[in-house]
């Protein structure tokens, strides 16, 4: 299996209103968020981002971190699973203009409102059935995506990520290390259907045959 490593350590951190969301969010709002449509990306904060807009401070240094950590060639093939509006793809295109980039997302809305020039790189589909040949990519990234599937589908997504990667993979998933982190995550969660203790995730990765690297989204 791969390494537990934080490759998002250059991503800006912000203080989340966890208790406030826990008090206000409803199952109906979670159902709306899980449609991954306009309400999720550009609606109210209780159904998603409250406006998902590009800013270079988010992924500029993170994509550099990926490139340097994995020693990617300038023409590397890179897939972003759950790419949303293609912001990370865009920053990869600036950093590595010769790279062969692809993204996939479940949301037609996200593709329709993608960062300029990115829509043509985005396929519509689910992580549990990636429309790519075996060993197609030098790096497959999936940030806070596969946990939005139920347990069986999440396992299929992990196997798919492993299948299409010929070298490296990196994912992040909702997790906790203690009961306080679990309490906060359950309050903050809008879309994840599969989330568990970090040790249970590691066992799950092994069971699914996922051999890539991984890190955790911890609600804080």
Protein backbone atom coordinates (compact mmCIF):
# COMPACT_ATOMS: atom_id res chain seq x y z
CA UNK A 1 0.00 0.00 0.00
CA UNK A 2 1.04 3.61 -0.49
CA UNK A 3 2.01 6.25 2.03
CA UNK A 4 0.00 8.36 4.44
CA UNK A 5 1.27 11.76 3.35
CA UNK A 6 -0.14 15.27 3.37
CA UNK A 7 0.39 16.64 -0.12
CA UNK A 8 -2.19 19.35 0.58
CA UNK A 9 0.01 21.06 3.15
CA UNK A 10 0.31 24.14 0.92
CA UNK A 11 -3.48 24.48 0.54
CA UNK A 12 -4.77 27.48 2.54
CA UNK A 13 -6.54 26.63 5.78
CA UNK A 14 -9.61 28.37 7.08
CA UNK A 15 -11.64 28.20 10.27
CA UNK A 16 -14.89 26.34 9.61
CA UNK A 17 -18.15 27.21 11.41
CA UNK A 18 -18.68 23.57 12.36
CA UNK A 19 -21.05 24.00 15.28
CA UNK A 20 -23.15 26.50 13.35
CA UNK A 21 -23.53 24.15 10.40
CA UNK A 22 -24.33 21.29 12.75
CA UNK A 23 -27.19 23.29 14.22
CA UNK A 24 -28.60 24.52 10.91
CA UNK A 25 -28.06 21.87 8.24
CA UNK A 26 -30.89 19.42 7.55
CA UNK A 27 -31.18 16.07 5.78
CA UNK A 28 -33.08 17.92 3.03
CA UNK A 29 -30.12 20.24 2.49
CA UNK A 30 -27.74 17.29 2.40
CA UNK A 31 -29.94 15.68 -0.27
CA UNK A 32 -29.76 18.89 -2.32
CA UNK A 33 -25.96 19.06 -1.92
CA UNK A 34 -25.60 15.47 -3.13
CA UNK A 35 -27.09 16.44 -6.50
CA UNK A 36 -23.85 18.41 -7.13
CA UNK A 37 -25.77 21.00 -9.11
CA UNK A 38 -26.05 24.79 -8.91
CA UNK A 39 -27.09 24.71 -5.24
CA UNK A 40 -23.93 22.81 -4.31
CA UNK A 41 -21.43 24.93 -6.20
CA UNK A 42 -23.04 28.36 -6.28
CA UNK A 43 -25.95 28.27 -3.85
CA UNK A 44 -26.20 28.69 -0.10
CA UNK A 45 -23.42 27.66 2.30
CA UNK A 46 -25.79 25.13 3.86
CA UNK A 47 -25.98 23.22 0.56
CA UNK A 48 -22.36 23.55 -0.51
CA UNK A 49 -19.63 26.07 -1.23
CA UNK A 50 -21.77 29.20 -1.32
CA UNK A 51 -19.95 30.18 -4.51
CA UNK A 52 -17.16 28.02 -5.96
CA UNK A 53 -14.83 30.48 -7.68
CA UNK A 54 -11.24 30.28 -8.91
CA UNK A 55 -8.42 31.86 -6.94
CA UNK A 56 -4.75 31.06 -7.62
CA UNK A 57 -3.97 30.76 -3.91
CA UNK A 58 -5.81 27.45 -3.67
CA UNK A 59 -4.06 25.08 -6.08
CA UNK A 60 -1.05 26.95 -7.49
CA UNK A 61 1.37 25.68 -4.86
CA UNK A 62 -0.47 22.38 -4.42
CA UNK A 63 0.03 21.31 -8.04
CA UNK A 64 3.70 22.23 -7.74
CA UNK A 65 3.84 20.02 -4.65
CA UNK A 66 2.38 17.11 -6.64
CA UNK A 67 4.77 17.62 -9.54
CA UNK A 68 7.86 17.81 -7.36
CA UNK A 69 6.90 15.00 -4.97
CA UNK A 70 6.20 12.53 -7.76
CA UNK A 71 8.95 13.79 -10.07
CA UNK A 72 6.49 14.13 -12.94
CA UNK A 73 7.80 14.61 -16.46
CA UNK A 74 6.69 17.76 -18.24
CA UNK A 75 4.47 15.68 -20.55
CA UNK A 76 3.01 13.50 -17.78
CA UNK A 77 -0.57 12.25 -18.08
CA UNK A 78 -2.62 13.45 -15.08
CA UNK A 79 -6.22 12.67 -14.13
CA UNK A 80 -8.29 14.59 -11.57
CA UNK A 81 -11.21 12.46 -10.36
CA UNK A 82 -13.91 14.77 -9.02
CA UNK A 83 -12.42 17.78 -10.79
CA UNK A 84 -15.48 20.05 -10.31
CA UNK A 85 -14.94 23.24 -12.35
CA UNK A 86 -11.40 22.27 -13.32
CA UNK A 87 -9.51 24.70 -11.11
CA UNK A 88 -6.70 22.27 -10.32
CA UNK A 89 -6.51 21.23 -13.98
CA UNK A 90 -6.09 24.89 -14.88
CA UNK A 91 -3.21 25.38 -12.46
CA UNK A 92 -1.56 22.21 -13.76
CA UNK A 93 -1.90 23.62 -17.29
CA UNK A 94 -0.03 26.76 -16.21
CA UNK A 95 2.69 24.88 -14.37
CA UNK A 96 3.07 22.03 -16.89
CA UNK A 97 1.84 23.23 -20.32
CA UNK A 98 2.97 20.00 -22.01
CA UNK A 99 1.13 17.74 -19.58
CA UNK A 100 -1.74 15.59 -20.84
CA UNK A 101 -4.56 16.57 -18.55
CA UNK A 102 -7.96 15.01 -17.99
CA UNK A 103 -10.70 15.50 -15.43
CA UNK A 104 -13.90 13.67 -14.63
CA UNK A 105 -16.84 14.80 -12.53
CA UNK A 106 -20.40 13.69 -11.89
CA UNK A 107 -21.74 17.23 -12.36
CA UNK A 108 -22.81 18.59 -15.76
CA UNK A 109 -23.26 21.95 -14.01
CA UNK A 110 -19.60 22.02 -12.95
CA UNK A 111 -18.43 21.29 -16.50
CA UNK A 112 -20.76 23.91 -17.96
CA UNK A 113 -19.29 26.48 -15.57
CA UNK A 114 -15.68 25.30 -15.74
CA UNK A 115 -12.66 27.56 -15.67
CA UNK A 116 -12.02 28.93 -19.15
CA UNK A 117 -10.45 26.36 -21.46
CA UNK A 118 -11.01 23.46 -19.07
CA UNK A 119 -14.46 22.17 -20.09
CA UNK A 120 -12.99 20.35 -23.09
CA UNK A 121 -10.75 18.39 -20.71
CA UNK A 122 -13.60 17.28 -18.44
CA UNK A 123 -15.63 14.10 -18.86
CA UNK A 124 -18.95 13.52 -17.13
CA UNK A 125 -19.01 10.28 -15.18
CA UNK A 126 -18.61 8.52 -11.86
CA UNK A 127 -15.41 7.55 -10.10
CA UNK A 128 -16.69 3.99 -9.80
CA UNK A 129 -16.55 3.48 -13.58
CA UNK A 130 -13.72 5.50 -15.11
CA UNK A 131 -13.89 5.61 -18.94
CA UNK A 132 -10.14 5.17 -19.45
CA UNK A 133 -7.83 2.33 -20.41
CA UNK A 134 -5.71 0.49 -17.88
CA UNK A 135 -2.45 2.27 -16.96
CA UNK A 136 -3.48 5.50 -18.71
CA UNK A 137 -2.09 8.06 -16.26
CA UNK A 138 1.18 8.83 -14.51
CA UNK A 139 -0.77 10.41 -11.64
CA UNK A 140 -4.40 10.08 -10.58
CA UNK A 141 -5.63 12.56 -7.97
CA UNK A 142 -8.97 12.46 -6.17
CA UNK A 143 -9.57 15.03 -3.45
CA UNK A 144 -12.65 14.62 -1.22
CA UNK A 145 -14.56 12.66 -3.86
CA UNK A 146 -14.67 8.87 -3.45
CA UNK A 147 -16.15 9.19 0.05
CA UNK A 148 -19.29 10.64 -1.58
CA UNK A 149 -20.12 7.10 -2.72
CA UNK A 150 -21.60 4.37 -0.56
CA UNK A 151 -19.19 1.75 0.75
CA UNK A 152 -19.40 -0.72 -2.15
CA UNK A 153 -19.21 2.01 -4.79
CA UNK A 154 -16.33 3.62 -2.91
CA UNK A 155 -14.40 0.34 -3.09
CA UNK A 156 -15.09 0.14 -6.83
CA UNK A 157 -13.81 3.72 -7.24
CA UNK A 158 -10.60 2.87 -5.43
CA UNK A 159 -10.08 -0.13 -7.70
CA UNK A 160 -10.75 2.06 -10.74
CA UNK A 161 -8.21 4.66 -9.63
CA UNK A 162 -5.68 1.89 -9.14
CA UNK A 163 -6.52 0.39 -12.55
CA UNK A 164 -6.03 3.56 -14.61
CA UNK A 165 -2.84 4.64 -12.80
CA UNK A 166 0.43 3.32 -14.20
CA UNK A 167 2.56 4.99 -11.55
CA UNK A 168 1.09 7.19 -8.82
CA UNK A 169 -2.22 7.96 -7.13
CA UNK A 170 -3.23 10.27 -4.30
CA UNK A 171 -6.62 10.61 -2.59
CA UNK A 172 -8.11 12.41 0.39
CA UNK A 173 -11.19 11.21 2.28
CA UNK A 174 -13.26 12.29 5.28
CA UNK A 175 -11.86 10.66 8.43
CA UNK A 176 -11.24 11.01 12.13
CA UNK A 177 -8.61 9.95 14.65
CA UNK A 178 -10.60 10.40 17.85
CA UNK A 179 -14.17 10.91 19.03
CA UNK A 180 -13.97 14.70 19.04
CA UNK A 181 -12.90 14.70 15.39
CA UNK A 182 -15.71 12.28 14.64
CA UNK A 183 -18.24 14.58 16.30
CA UNK A 184 -17.03 17.58 14.30
CA UNK A 185 -17.03 15.66 11.02
CA UNK A 186 -20.58 14.45 11.50
CA UNK A 187 -21.68 18.05 12.07
CA UNK A 188 -19.77 19.38 9.05
CA UNK A 189 -20.52 16.62 6.54
CA UNK A 190 -22.83 17.42 3.64
CA UNK A 191 -22.08 14.88 0.94
CA UNK A 192 -19.91 12.02 2.21
CA UNK A 193 -21.62 8.62 2.47
CA UNK A 194 -18.51 6.68 3.51
CA UNK A 195 -16.36 8.04 6.33
CA UNK A 196 -14.51 6.25 9.09
CA UNK A 197 -11.56 6.17 11.47
CA UNK A 198 -8.19 6.47 9.76
CA UNK A 199 -7.24 2.91 10.75
CA UNK A 200 -10.47 1.58 9.25
CA UNK A 201 -9.75 3.48 6.04
CA UNK A 202 -6.32 1.87 5.80
CA UNK A 203 -7.89 -1.58 6.15
CA UNK A 204 -10.49 -0.60 3.57
CA UNK A 205 -7.80 0.51 1.11
CA UNK A 206 -6.05 -2.84 1.46
CA UNK A 207 -9.32 -4.73 1.02
CA UNK A 208 -10.13 -2.75 -2.14
CA UNK A 209 -6.65 -3.21 -3.57
CA UNK A 210 -5.79 0.48 -3.54
CA UNK A 211 -2.00 0.93 -3.42
CA UNK A 212 -1.69 4.68 -3.86
CA UNK A 213 -0.98 7.44 -1.37
CA UNK A 214 -3.63 8.99 0.84
CA UNK A 215 -4.43 11.72 3.32
CA UNK A 216 -7.39 12.76 5.45
CA UNK A 217 -9.93 15.54 5.57
CA UNK A 218 -10.28 16.24 9.29
CA UNK A 219 -13.01 18.73 10.21
CA UNK A 220 -11.39 21.49 12.27
